[in-house]
Amino acid sequence: MKRIFLALLLATSFAAPALANPISNLAPADRYFGRLKMSILGVRNSLHDLSARADAQPEAAEHIFDKAVLVEDALRDWQAHFPRDPWIPKYAYALAELYGKLDMDDAQTRKDETLDWLAASYPQSEYALQPR
């Protein structure tokens, strides 16, 4: 009997962290968001690729900006469906950094708006607390 009780106690102690962040808060990998119907992996990969391209080809800022706006659309749609997904602040911050790399007034405005959105939606996130 003691062994069964100990096993149940151990099982619930390991399950507690999982219950603190229910799976329903996380967007599934096969869910698609925004006008381009991007997956969460598509958002991540696009931010990574566009950021690398902004570093390598600053003259392509307008084209990169246009694509970044579509990634933002997917990210905001993701947030509308899964507002407590803990990955959103990281990608919102990456989006703001991407906008910051583009030498365009519209991109700088979007950077500020994205950081404001991040701070308002996820004020306790480590990304919302980053200096501007």
N, C-alpha and C. Protein backbone atom coordinates (compact mmCIF):
# COMPACT_ATOMS: atom_id res chain seq x y z
N MET A 1 0.81 -1.19 0.00
CA MET A 1 0.00 0.00 0.00
C MET A 1 0.86 1.26 0.00
N LYS A 2 1.95 1.23 0.79
CA LYS A 2 2.84 2.39 0.82
C LYS A 2 3.46 2.64 -0.54
N ARG A 3 3.78 1.58 -1.25
CA ARG A 3 4.39 1.73 -2.58
C ARG A 3 3.41 2.39 -3.56
N ILE A 4 2.16 1.99 -3.49
CA ILE A 4 1.15 2.58 -4.38
C ILE A 4 0.99 4.06 -4.06
N PHE A 5 0.91 4.39 -2.78
CA PHE A 5 0.78 5.78 -2.37
C PHE A 5 1.99 6.59 -2.82
N LEU A 6 3.18 6.05 -2.64
CA LEU A 6 4.41 6.74 -3.06
C LEU A 6 4.43 6.93 -4.57
N ALA A 7 4.01 5.91 -5.31
CA ALA A 7 3.98 6.02 -6.77
C ALA A 7 3.00 7.11 -7.21
N LEU A 8 1.83 7.17 -6.59
CA LEU A 8 0.86 8.21 -6.92
C LEU A 8 1.38 9.60 -6.56
N LEU A 9 2.04 9.70 -5.43
CA LEU A 9 2.61 10.97 -5.01
C LEU A 9 3.66 11.46 -6.00
N LEU A 10 4.54 10.55 -6.41
CA LEU A 10 5.57 10.91 -7.40
C LEU A 10 4.96 11.28 -8.74
N ALA A 11 3.96 10.53 -9.15
CA ALA A 11 3.32 10.81 -10.44
C ALA A 11 2.67 12.19 -10.46
N THR A 12 2.00 12.55 -9.37
CA THR A 12 1.36 13.87 -9.35
C THR A 12 2.38 14.98 -9.23
N SER A 13 3.50 14.75 -8.59
CA SER A 13 4.51 15.80 -8.48
C SER A 13 5.16 16.09 -9.83
N PHE A 14 5.28 15.06 -10.66
CA PHE A 14 5.84 15.28 -12.00
C PHE A 14 4.81 15.88 -12.94
N ALA A 15 3.54 15.64 -12.68
CA ALA A 15 2.48 16.16 -13.55
C ALA A 15 2.16 17.61 -13.24
N ALA A 16 2.49 18.09 -12.06
CA ALA A 16 2.14 19.46 -11.66
C ALA A 16 2.65 20.52 -12.62
N PRO A 17 3.94 20.48 -13.06
CA PRO A 17 4.38 21.50 -14.01
C PRO A 17 3.61 21.47 -15.33
N ALA A 18 3.24 20.29 -15.77
CA ALA A 18 2.48 20.20 -17.02
C ALA A 18 1.10 20.80 -16.84
N LEU A 19 0.51 20.64 -15.65
CA LEU A 19 -0.81 21.20 -15.41
C LEU A 19 -0.75 22.71 -15.26
N ALA A 20 0.39 23.25 -14.88
CA ALA A 20 0.53 24.70 -14.73
C ALA A 20 0.46 25.39 -16.09
N ASN A 21 0.86 24.71 -17.15
CA ASN A 21 0.82 25.27 -18.49
C ASN A 21 0.04 24.28 -19.37
N PRO A 22 -1.29 24.31 -19.29
CA PRO A 22 -2.09 23.32 -20.00
C PRO A 22 -1.78 23.30 -21.49
N ILE A 23 -1.88 22.13 -22.05
CA ILE A 23 -1.59 21.95 -23.47
C ILE A 23 -2.51 22.81 -24.33
N SER A 24 -3.71 23.15 -23.84
CA SER A 24 -4.63 23.97 -24.63
C SER A 24 -4.11 25.40 -24.81
N ASN A 25 -3.13 25.80 -24.00
CA ASN A 25 -2.53 27.12 -24.18
C ASN A 25 -1.58 27.15 -25.37
N LEU A 26 -1.08 26.00 -25.77
CA LEU A 26 -0.09 25.91 -26.84
C LEU A 26 -0.76 25.70 -28.18
N ALA A 27 -0.31 26.44 -29.17
CA ALA A 27 -0.83 26.25 -30.52
C ALA A 27 -0.26 24.95 -31.09
N PRO A 28 -1.10 24.13 -31.69
CA PRO A 28 -0.58 22.89 -32.29
C PRO A 28 0.25 23.19 -33.54
N ALA A 29 1.21 22.34 -33.78
CA ALA A 29 2.12 22.54 -34.91
C ALA A 29 1.40 22.45 -36.25
N ASP A 30 0.25 21.79 -36.28
CA ASP A 30 -0.47 21.65 -37.55
C ASP A 30 -1.62 22.65 -37.69
N ARG A 31 -1.58 23.72 -36.90
CA ARG A 31 -2.57 24.79 -37.00
C ARG A 31 -1.97 25.92 -37.83
N TYR A 32 -2.77 26.59 -38.65
CA TYR A 32 -2.27 27.60 -39.57
C TYR A 32 -2.94 28.94 -39.30
N PHE A 33 -2.15 30.01 -39.42
CA PHE A 33 -2.60 31.32 -39.01
C PHE A 33 -2.35 32.37 -40.09
N GLY A 34 -3.18 33.41 -40.07
CA GLY A 34 -3.00 34.56 -40.94
C GLY A 34 -3.40 34.30 -42.37
N ARG A 35 -3.23 35.35 -43.18
CA ARG A 35 -3.60 35.26 -44.60
C ARG A 35 -2.80 34.22 -45.35
N LEU A 36 -1.54 34.03 -44.93
CA LEU A 36 -0.69 33.04 -45.61
C LEU A 36 -0.85 31.64 -45.04
N LYS A 37 -1.67 31.49 -44.00
CA LYS A 37 -1.87 30.21 -43.35
C LYS A 37 -0.52 29.60 -42.93
N MET A 38 0.18 30.35 -42.09
CA MET A 38 1.50 29.93 -41.62
C MET A 38 1.36 29.10 -40.35
N SER A 39 2.16 28.06 -40.26
CA SER A 39 2.23 27.28 -39.03
C SER A 39 3.15 28.01 -38.05
N ILE A 40 3.18 27.55 -36.82
CA ILE A 40 4.08 28.17 -35.85
C ILE A 40 5.53 27.98 -36.27
N LEU A 41 5.83 26.85 -36.90
CA LEU A 41 7.18 26.64 -37.42
C LEU A 41 7.47 27.56 -38.60
N GLY A 42 6.44 27.81 -39.40
CA GLY A 42 6.60 28.74 -40.52
C GLY A 42 6.89 30.15 -40.04
N VAL A 43 6.22 30.56 -38.96
CA VAL A 43 6.48 31.88 -38.37
C VAL A 43 7.93 31.94 -37.90
N ARG A 44 8.35 30.93 -37.15
CA ARG A 44 9.72 30.90 -36.63
C ARG A 44 10.75 30.93 -37.76
N ASN A 45 10.55 30.07 -38.75
CA ASN A 45 11.52 29.99 -39.85
C ASN A 45 11.54 31.27 -40.68
N SER A 46 10.38 31.86 -40.91
CA SER A 46 10.33 33.10 -41.69
C SER A 46 11.04 34.23 -40.96
N LEU A 47 10.83 34.33 -39.65
CA LEU A 47 11.53 35.38 -38.89
C LEU A 47 13.03 35.17 -38.95
N HIS A 48 13.46 33.95 -38.82
CA HIS A 48 14.91 33.65 -38.88
C HIS A 48 15.47 34.00 -40.26
N ASP A 49 14.80 33.55 -41.31
CA ASP A 49 15.28 33.77 -42.68
C ASP A 49 15.25 35.25 -43.06
N LEU A 50 14.17 35.94 -42.70
CA LEU A 50 14.07 37.36 -43.04
C LEU A 50 15.11 38.18 -42.28
N SER A 51 15.38 37.82 -41.05
CA SER A 51 16.39 38.53 -40.27
C SER A 51 17.78 38.34 -40.88
N ALA A 52 18.08 37.12 -41.29
CA ALA A 52 19.37 36.86 -41.94
C ALA A 52 19.46 37.62 -43.26
N ARG A 53 18.36 37.67 -43.98
CA ARG A 53 18.36 38.40 -45.26
C ARG A 53 18.51 39.90 -45.03
N ALA A 54 17.89 40.43 -43.97
CA ALA A 54 18.03 41.85 -43.66
C ALA A 54 19.48 42.19 -43.34
N ASP A 55 20.18 41.29 -42.69
CA ASP A 55 21.60 41.50 -42.40
C ASP A 55 22.45 41.45 -43.67
N ALA A 56 22.14 40.50 -44.55
CA ALA A 56 22.95 40.29 -45.74
C ALA A 56 22.59 41.21 -46.90
N GLN A 57 21.34 41.63 -46.99
CA GLN A 57 20.87 42.44 -48.12
C GLN A 57 20.04 43.62 -47.65
N PRO A 58 20.67 44.60 -47.01
CA PRO A 58 19.88 45.74 -46.52
C PRO A 58 19.15 46.49 -47.64
N GLU A 59 19.62 46.37 -48.86
CA GLU A 59 18.97 47.06 -49.98
C GLU A 59 17.61 46.43 -50.32
N ALA A 60 17.32 45.23 -49.78
CA ALA A 60 16.04 44.56 -50.03
C ALA A 60 15.03 44.85 -48.93
N ALA A 61 15.22 45.96 -48.23
CA ALA A 61 14.39 46.28 -47.06
C ALA A 61 12.89 46.29 -47.37
N GLU A 62 12.50 46.87 -48.50
CA GLU A 62 11.08 46.96 -48.83
C GLU A 62 10.46 45.57 -49.02
N HIS A 63 11.17 44.72 -49.72
CA HIS A 63 10.68 43.36 -49.95
C HIS A 63 10.60 42.58 -48.64
N ILE A 64 11.62 42.72 -47.80
CA ILE A 64 11.64 42.05 -46.50
C ILE A 64 10.51 42.58 -45.62
N PHE A 65 10.30 43.89 -45.66
CA PHE A 65 9.22 44.50 -44.88
C PHE A 65 7.86 43.91 -45.27
N ASP A 66 7.61 43.80 -46.58
CA ASP A 66 6.34 43.25 -47.05
C ASP A 66 6.11 41.84 -46.51
N LYS A 67 7.16 41.03 -46.50
CA LYS A 67 7.04 39.66 -45.98
C LYS A 67 6.88 39.67 -44.46
N ALA A 68 7.57 40.58 -43.79
CA ALA A 68 7.47 40.67 -42.33
C ALA A 68 6.05 41.04 -41.91
N VAL A 69 5.38 41.88 -42.66
CA VAL A 69 4.00 42.27 -42.36
C VAL A 69 3.09 41.04 -42.42
N LEU A 70 3.34 40.14 -43.35
CA LEU A 70 2.55 38.92 -43.45
C LEU A 70 2.85 37.97 -42.28
N VAL A 71 4.09 37.94 -41.84
CA VAL A 71 4.44 37.15 -40.66
C VAL A 71 3.74 37.74 -39.43
N GLU A 72 3.73 39.05 -39.35
CA GLU A 72 3.03 39.71 -38.23
C GLU A 72 1.55 39.35 -38.23
N ASP A 73 0.95 39.32 -39.41
CA ASP A 73 -0.45 38.95 -39.52
C ASP A 73 -0.68 37.55 -38.95
N ALA A 74 0.19 36.62 -39.27
CA ALA A 74 0.08 35.26 -38.75
C ALA A 74 0.29 35.23 -37.24
N LEU A 75 1.26 35.99 -36.76
CA LEU A 75 1.55 36.02 -35.32
C LEU A 75 0.37 36.59 -34.54
N ARG A 76 -0.23 37.63 -35.04
CA ARG A 76 -1.38 38.23 -34.34
C ARG A 76 -2.60 37.30 -34.39
N ASP A 77 -2.77 36.57 -35.49
CA ASP A 77 -3.85 35.60 -35.58
C ASP A 77 -3.59 34.45 -34.59
N TRP A 78 -2.35 34.03 -34.49
CA TRP A 78 -1.95 33.00 -33.53
C TRP A 78 -2.33 33.47 -32.12
N GLN A 79 -1.98 34.71 -31.81
CA GLN A 79 -2.28 35.24 -30.48
C GLN A 79 -3.79 35.32 -30.24
N ALA A 80 -4.56 35.62 -31.27
CA ALA A 80 -6.01 35.70 -31.12
C ALA A 80 -6.61 34.34 -30.74
N HIS A 81 -6.01 33.27 -31.24
CA HIS A 81 -6.52 31.92 -30.96
C HIS A 81 -5.90 31.27 -29.72
N PHE A 82 -4.66 31.62 -29.44
CA PHE A 82 -3.93 31.01 -28.32
C PHE A 82 -3.19 32.11 -27.54
N PRO A 83 -3.94 32.99 -26.88
CA PRO A 83 -3.30 34.16 -26.25
C PRO A 83 -2.32 33.84 -25.14
N ARG A 84 -2.41 32.67 -24.55
CA ARG A 84 -1.49 32.31 -23.46
C ARG A 84 -0.34 31.43 -23.93
N ASP A 85 -0.17 31.28 -25.22
CA ASP A 85 0.94 30.47 -25.72
C ASP A 85 2.25 31.15 -25.34
N PRO A 86 3.11 30.48 -24.61
CA PRO A 86 4.34 31.12 -24.13
C PRO A 86 5.37 31.40 -25.21
N TRP A 87 5.17 30.91 -26.42
CA TRP A 87 6.12 31.16 -27.51
C TRP A 87 5.88 32.51 -28.18
N ILE A 88 4.70 33.05 -28.06
CA ILE A 88 4.35 34.29 -28.76
C ILE A 88 5.26 35.45 -28.38
N PRO A 89 5.54 35.70 -27.11
CA PRO A 89 6.42 36.84 -26.80
C PRO A 89 7.80 36.75 -27.47
N LYS A 90 8.35 35.56 -27.53
CA LYS A 90 9.67 35.39 -28.16
C LYS A 90 9.61 35.80 -29.64
N TYR A 91 8.59 35.35 -30.32
CA TYR A 91 8.49 35.66 -31.75
C TYR A 91 8.05 37.09 -32.00
N ALA A 92 7.27 37.66 -31.11
CA ALA A 92 6.92 39.07 -31.24
C ALA A 92 8.17 39.94 -31.09
N TYR A 93 9.02 39.56 -30.15
CA TYR A 93 10.27 40.30 -29.96
C TYR A 93 11.18 40.14 -31.18
N ALA A 94 11.25 38.93 -31.72
CA ALA A 94 12.06 38.70 -32.92
C ALA A 94 11.53 39.52 -34.09
N LEU A 95 10.22 39.65 -34.19
CA LEU A 95 9.62 40.47 -35.24
C LEU A 95 10.01 41.93 -35.07
N ALA A 96 9.94 42.42 -33.83
CA ALA A 96 10.34 43.82 -33.57
C ALA A 96 11.81 44.03 -33.93
N GLU A 97 12.66 43.08 -33.59
CA GLU A 97 14.07 43.19 -33.96
C GLU A 97 14.25 43.22 -35.47
N LEU A 98 13.49 42.39 -36.17
CA LEU A 98 13.55 42.37 -37.64
C LEU A 98 13.15 43.73 -38.19
N TYR A 99 12.04 44.28 -37.73
CA TYR A 99 11.63 45.61 -38.19
C TYR A 99 12.73 46.63 -37.91
N GLY A 100 13.38 46.50 -36.77
CA GLY A 100 14.44 47.44 -36.40
C GLY A 100 15.64 47.40 -37.32
N LYS A 101 15.85 46.29 -38.01
CA LYS A 101 16.98 46.15 -38.94
C LYS A 101 16.72 46.83 -40.28
N LEU A 102 15.47 47.15 -40.55
CA LEU A 102 15.10 47.69 -41.86
C LEU A 102 15.14 49.21 -41.82
N ASP A 103 15.85 49.79 -42.77
CA ASP A 103 16.03 51.23 -42.84
C ASP A 103 14.85 51.86 -43.58
N MET A 104 13.70 51.86 -42.89
CA MET A 104 12.48 52.41 -43.45
C MET A 104 11.66 53.00 -42.31
N ASP A 105 11.02 54.12 -42.55
CA ASP A 105 10.19 54.74 -41.51
C ASP A 105 9.05 53.82 -41.10
N ASP A 106 8.40 53.17 -42.09
CA ASP A 106 7.29 52.27 -41.78
C ASP A 106 7.75 51.11 -40.90
N ALA A 107 8.94 50.62 -41.14
CA ALA A 107 9.47 49.51 -40.34
C ALA A 107 9.74 49.96 -38.91
N GLN A 108 10.26 51.14 -38.75
CA GLN A 108 10.53 51.65 -37.39
C GLN A 108 9.23 51.87 -36.62
N THR A 109 8.20 52.33 -37.33
CA THR A 109 6.88 52.49 -36.71
C THR A 109 6.34 51.14 -36.28
N ARG A 110 6.46 50.15 -37.16
CA ARG A 110 5.99 48.79 -36.84
C ARG A 110 6.78 48.20 -35.68
N LYS A 111 8.06 48.51 -35.62
CA LYS A 111 8.87 48.02 -34.50
C LYS A 111 8.30 48.53 -33.19
N ASP A 112 8.06 49.83 -33.12
CA ASP A 112 7.52 50.43 -31.90
C ASP A 112 6.14 49.86 -31.56
N GLU A 113 5.29 49.70 -32.57
CA GLU A 113 3.96 49.15 -32.35
C GLU A 113 4.03 47.70 -31.85
N THR A 114 4.95 46.94 -32.39
CA THR A 114 5.11 45.54 -31.98
C THR A 114 5.60 45.46 -30.54
N LEU A 115 6.54 46.32 -30.18
CA LEU A 115 7.02 46.33 -28.79
C LEU A 115 5.94 46.78 -27.83
N ASP A 116 5.11 47.74 -28.25
CA ASP A 116 3.98 48.17 -27.42
C ASP A 116 2.98 47.02 -27.23
N TRP A 117 2.69 46.31 -28.31
CA TRP A 117 1.79 45.16 -28.27
C TRP A 117 2.35 44.09 -27.34
N LEU A 118 3.63 43.83 -27.45
CA LEU A 118 4.29 42.83 -26.60
C LEU A 118 4.19 43.23 -25.12
N ALA A 119 4.49 44.48 -24.82
CA ALA A 119 4.44 44.94 -23.44
C ALA A 119 3.02 44.93 -22.88
N ALA A 120 2.04 45.26 -23.72
CA ALA A 120 0.65 45.28 -23.25
C ALA A 120 0.08 43.88 -23.09
N SER A 121 0.44 42.97 -24.00
CA SER A 121 -0.13 41.63 -23.98
C SER A 121 0.60 40.67 -23.06
N TYR A 122 1.90 40.87 -22.91
CA TYR A 122 2.73 39.94 -22.13
C TYR A 122 3.67 40.72 -21.21
N PRO A 123 3.12 41.52 -20.30
CA PRO A 123 3.97 42.41 -19.49
C PRO A 123 4.96 41.68 -18.59
N GLN A 124 4.69 40.44 -18.22
CA GLN A 124 5.59 39.69 -17.35
C GLN A 124 6.63 38.88 -18.13
N SER A 125 6.54 38.91 -19.45
CA SER A 125 7.48 38.16 -20.28
C SER A 125 8.87 38.78 -20.21
N GLU A 126 9.88 37.94 -20.27
CA GLU A 126 11.26 38.45 -20.28
C GLU A 126 11.50 39.32 -21.51
N TYR A 127 10.76 39.08 -22.59
CA TYR A 127 10.93 39.87 -23.81
C TYR A 127 10.30 41.25 -23.69
N ALA A 128 9.21 41.34 -22.95
CA ALA A 128 8.57 42.64 -22.75
C ALA A 128 9.43 43.53 -21.87
N LEU A 129 10.29 42.92 -21.07
CA LEU A 129 11.13 43.67 -20.15
C LEU A 129 12.47 44.09 -20.76
N GLN A 130 12.72 43.69 -22.01
CA GLN A 130 13.97 44.05 -22.68
C GLN A 130 13.99 45.56 -22.97
N PRO A 131 15.15 46.16 -22.89
CA PRO A 131 15.22 47.60 -23.24
C PRO A 131 14.94 47.80 -24.72
N ARG A 132 14.40 48.94 -25.02
CA ARG A 132 14.09 49.27 -26.42
C ARG A 132 15.31 49.80 -27.06
